[in-house]
Amino acid sequence: MRQGTYVDQRPIPFRTFSTDWLARTHPTVSPNTHALHEWAVNGFLNPVFNMMAIQALRPDQIERWQAELLSRGKP
């Protein structure tokens, strides 16, 4: 901890991470970009990954989710 290299191993739910990310990035992006981020996170990501631990997400899970959206004609 003193060296700044400690990584907390407790699971962080995706929704908690995404809510925090939106709050952290809000001051650094334009209002339109923030609105787009909120739309994507709340409309597409949180409904699927909600309480899954962010540390447990794997690239193949994200790729399958993305492929499913695209197969249904979603952006």
C-alpha atoms as a PDB file:
ATOM      1  CA  MET A   1       0.000   0.000   0.000  1.00  0.00           C
ATOM      2  CA  ARG A   2       2.769   2.407   0.889  1.00  0.00           C
ATOM      3  CA  GLN A   3       4.330   1.957  -2.535  1.00  0.00           C
ATOM      4  CA  GLY A   4       1.044   2.464  -4.356  1.00  0.00           C
ATOM      5  CA  THR A   5       1.095  -0.972  -5.944  1.00  0.00           C
ATOM      6  CA  TYR A   6      -1.606  -2.694  -3.867  1.00  0.00           C
ATOM      7  CA  VAL A   7      -4.555  -4.034  -5.855  1.00  0.00           C
ATOM      8  CA  ASP A   8      -7.732  -4.740  -3.908  1.00  0.00           C
ATOM      9  CA  GLN A   9      -8.847  -8.307  -4.639  1.00  0.00           C
ATOM     10  CA  ARG A  10     -12.471  -7.884  -3.518  1.00  0.00           C
ATOM     11  CA  PRO A  11     -14.925  -8.298  -6.393  1.00  0.00           C
ATOM     12  CA  ILE A  12     -16.320  -5.043  -7.749  1.00  0.00           C
ATOM     13  CA  PRO A  13     -19.750  -5.352  -9.391  1.00  0.00           C
ATOM     14  CA  PHE A  14     -19.824  -4.035 -12.941  1.00  0.00           C
ATOM     15  CA  ARG A  15     -22.636  -1.601 -12.087  1.00  0.00           C
ATOM     16  CA  THR A  16     -20.568  -0.096  -9.253  1.00  0.00           C
ATOM     17  CA  PHE A  17     -17.537   0.253 -11.519  1.00  0.00           C
ATOM     18  CA  SER A  18     -19.532   1.772 -14.382  1.00  0.00           C
ATOM     19  CA  THR A  19     -21.322   4.260 -12.121  1.00  0.00           C
ATOM     20  CA  ASP A  20     -17.990   5.345 -10.667  1.00  0.00           C
ATOM     21  CA  TRP A  21     -16.446   5.556 -14.157  1.00  0.00           C
ATOM     22  CA  LEU A  22     -19.270   7.792 -15.388  1.00  0.00           C
ATOM     23  CA  ALA A  23     -18.790  10.104 -12.401  1.00  0.00           C
ATOM     24  CA  ARG A  24     -14.995  10.217 -12.833  1.00  0.00           C
ATOM     25  CA  THR A  25     -15.092  10.935 -16.557  1.00  0.00           C
ATOM     26  CA  HIS A  26     -17.994  13.409 -16.456  1.00  0.00           C
ATOM     27  CA  PRO A  27     -15.786  16.473 -15.813  1.00  0.00           C
ATOM     28  CA  THR A  28     -13.314  15.459 -18.527  1.00  0.00           C
ATOM     29  CA  VAL A  29     -15.678  15.081 -21.485  1.00  0.00           C
ATOM     30  CA  SER A  30     -18.220  17.264 -23.241  1.00  0.00           C
ATOM     31  CA  PRO A  31     -21.866  17.118 -22.146  1.00  0.00           C
ATOM     32  CA  ASN A  32     -22.765  15.307 -25.380  1.00  0.00           C
ATOM     33  CA  THR A  33     -20.047  12.700 -24.855  1.00  0.00           C
ATOM     34  CA  HIS A  34     -21.132  12.155 -21.264  1.00  0.00           C
ATOM     35  CA  ALA A  35     -24.743  11.705 -22.386  1.00  0.00           C
ATOM     36  CA  LEU A  36     -23.579   9.151 -24.971  1.00  0.00           C
ATOM     37  CA  HIS A  37     -21.578   7.290 -22.313  1.00  0.00           C
ATOM     38  CA  GLU A  38     -24.600   7.228 -19.978  1.00  0.00           C
ATOM     39  CA  TRP A  39     -26.824   5.967 -22.790  1.00  0.00           C
ATOM     40  CA  ALA A  40     -24.417   3.148 -23.671  1.00  0.00           C
ATOM     41  CA  VAL A  41     -23.606   2.119 -20.099  1.00  0.00           C
ATOM     42  CA  ASN A  42     -27.170   2.249 -18.769  1.00  0.00           C
ATOM     43  CA  GLY A  43     -28.884   0.983 -21.897  1.00  0.00           C
ATOM     44  CA  PHE A  44     -26.556  -1.789 -23.014  1.00  0.00           C
ATOM     45  CA  LEU A  45     -23.829  -2.660 -20.511  1.00  0.00           C
ATOM     46  CA  ASN A  46     -25.448  -2.528 -17.067  1.00  0.00           C
ATOM     47  CA  PRO A  47     -28.478  -4.636 -18.042  1.00  0.00           C
ATOM     48  CA  VAL A  48     -26.155  -7.460 -19.119  1.00  0.00           C
ATOM     49  CA  PHE A  49     -23.135  -7.285 -16.822  1.00  0.00           C
ATOM     50  CA  ASN A  50     -24.889  -5.664 -13.814  1.00  0.00           C
ATOM     51  CA  MET A  51     -23.624  -7.528 -10.720  1.00  0.00           C
ATOM     52  CA  MET A  52     -20.881  -9.539 -12.452  1.00  0.00           C
ATOM     53  CA  ALA A  53     -17.510  -8.794 -10.882  1.00  0.00           C
ATOM     54  CA  ILE A  54     -15.510  -6.558 -13.195  1.00  0.00           C
ATOM     55  CA  GLN A  55     -12.464  -8.721 -12.464  1.00  0.00           C
ATOM     56  CA  ALA A  56     -14.326 -11.782 -13.776  1.00  0.00           C
ATOM     57  CA  LEU A  57     -15.129 -10.310 -17.193  1.00  0.00           C
ATOM     58  CA  ARG A  58     -13.268 -12.015 -20.009  1.00  0.00           C
ATOM     59  CA  PRO A  59     -12.749 -10.813 -23.573  1.00  0.00           C
ATOM     60  CA  ASP A  60     -14.722 -13.747 -25.001  1.00  0.00           C
ATOM     61  CA  GLN A  61     -17.776 -12.804 -22.893  1.00  0.00           C
ATOM     62  CA  ILE A  62     -17.655  -9.254 -24.185  1.00  0.00           C
ATOM     63  CA  GLU A  63     -17.164 -10.439 -27.769  1.00  0.00           C
ATOM     64  CA  ARG A  64     -20.180 -12.781 -27.499  1.00  0.00           C
ATOM     65  CA  TRP A  65     -22.316  -9.972 -26.067  1.00  0.00           C
ATOM     66  CA  GLN A  66     -21.226  -7.649 -28.868  1.00  0.00           C
ATOM     67  CA  ALA A  67     -21.884 -10.296 -31.532  1.00  0.00           C
ATOM     68  CA  GLU A  68     -25.382 -10.855 -30.117  1.00  0.00           C
ATOM     69  CA  LEU A  69     -26.151  -7.126 -30.279  1.00  0.00           C
ATOM     70  CA  LEU A  70     -24.878  -6.877 -33.834  1.00  0.00           C
ATOM     71  CA  SER A  71     -26.859  -9.941 -34.926  1.00  0.00           C
ATOM     72  CA  ARG A  72     -30.017  -8.168 -33.680  1.00  0.00           C
ATOM     73  CA  GLY A  73     -29.148  -5.004 -35.581  1.00  0.00           C
ATOM     74  CA  LYS A  74     -28.190  -3.030 -32.480  1.00  0.00           C
ATOM     75  CA  PRO A  75     -25.391  -0.435 -32.655  1.00  0.00           C
END
